[in-house]
């Protein structure tokens, strides 16, 4: 049974690594293209902090809503 769980953990870790690499590449491309970040979250309407807008060019969600979107709950 532990072999199945270990394999699942390895697959999840690989998926997370690829997802992070994709996000970093998309962020770098957006920064290079001068993408515009929203000032207010497209989901909840709260203001997106300036630091997040600078670090994640082209962002549309605040951090909590982005986490929900990544989990497929939006």
Protein backbone atom coordinates (compact mmCIF):
# COMPACT_ATOMS: atom_id res chain seq x y z
CA UNK A 1 0.00 0.00 0.00
CA UNK A 2 2.82 2.40 0.79
CA UNK A 3 4.16 2.03 -2.77
CA UNK A 4 0.90 3.46 -4.15
CA UNK A 5 0.98 6.34 -1.67
CA UNK A 6 4.65 7.03 -2.39
CA UNK A 7 3.95 7.05 -6.11
CA UNK A 8 1.02 9.44 -5.59
CA UNK A 9 3.24 11.77 -3.57
CA UNK A 10 5.90 11.74 -6.29
CA UNK A 11 3.32 12.51 -8.97
CA UNK A 12 1.86 15.35 -6.90
CA UNK A 13 5.33 16.82 -6.29
CA UNK A 14 6.10 16.65 -10.02
CA UNK A 15 2.77 18.29 -10.87
CA UNK A 16 3.45 21.08 -8.36
CA UNK A 17 6.95 21.61 -9.79
CA UNK A 18 5.61 21.88 -13.35
CA UNK A 19 2.76 24.20 -12.28
CA UNK A 20 5.21 26.50 -10.49
CA UNK A 21 7.55 26.56 -13.50
CA UNK A 22 4.61 27.40 -15.77
CA UNK A 23 3.49 30.20 -13.46
CA UNK A 24 6.99 31.67 -13.28
CA UNK A 25 7.32 31.52 -17.07
CA UNK A 26 3.93 33.18 -17.56
CA UNK A 27 4.84 35.88 -15.06
CA UNK A 28 8.18 36.54 -16.78
CA UNK A 29 6.47 36.74 -20.17
CA UNK A 30 3.84 39.12 -18.83
CA UNK A 31 6.51 41.30 -17.28
CA UNK A 32 8.46 41.39 -20.56
CA UNK A 33 5.29 42.37 -22.45
CA UNK A 34 4.39 45.06 -19.92
CA UNK A 35 1.15 43.35 -18.91
CA UNK A 36 -1.32 45.44 -16.96
CA UNK A 37 -2.33 44.21 -13.51
CA UNK A 38 -5.80 44.92 -12.18
CA UNK A 39 -5.99 47.24 -9.16
CA UNK A 40 -9.05 45.46 -7.74
CA UNK A 41 -9.66 41.71 -7.49
CA UNK A 42 -11.91 40.39 -10.27
CA UNK A 43 -13.57 38.01 -7.78
CA UNK A 44 -14.07 39.80 -4.45
CA UNK A 45 -13.43 43.41 -5.44
CA UNK A 46 -10.79 44.05 -2.77
CA UNK A 47 -7.76 46.10 -3.71
CA UNK A 48 -4.78 44.09 -4.93
CA UNK A 49 -1.66 45.25 -3.04
CA UNK A 50 0.87 47.22 -5.11
CA UNK A 51 3.65 44.77 -4.26
CA UNK A 52 1.61 41.86 -5.69
CA UNK A 53 0.82 43.83 -8.85
CA UNK A 54 4.54 44.50 -9.31
CA UNK A 55 5.64 40.93 -8.59
CA UNK A 56 2.88 39.22 -10.63
CA UNK A 57 2.34 41.30 -13.78
CA UNK A 58 -1.08 40.74 -15.29
CA UNK A 59 -2.63 39.48 -12.04
CA UNK A 60 -6.42 39.64 -11.79
CA UNK A 61 -7.02 38.27 -8.29
CA UNK A 62 -5.93 39.07 -4.74
CA UNK A 63 -3.86 36.36 -3.07
CA UNK A 64 -6.75 34.58 -1.26
CA UNK A 65 -8.89 34.49 -4.42
CA UNK A 66 -5.91 33.33 -6.49
CA UNK A 67 -5.43 30.43 -4.08
CA UNK A 68 -9.11 29.48 -4.48
CA UNK A 69 -8.80 29.72 -8.27
CA UNK A 70 -5.77 27.42 -8.25
CA UNK A 71 -7.73 24.88 -6.22
CA UNK A 72 -10.60 25.10 -8.73
CA UNK A 73 -13.00 26.60 -6.21
CA UNK A 74 -13.80 29.77 -8.17
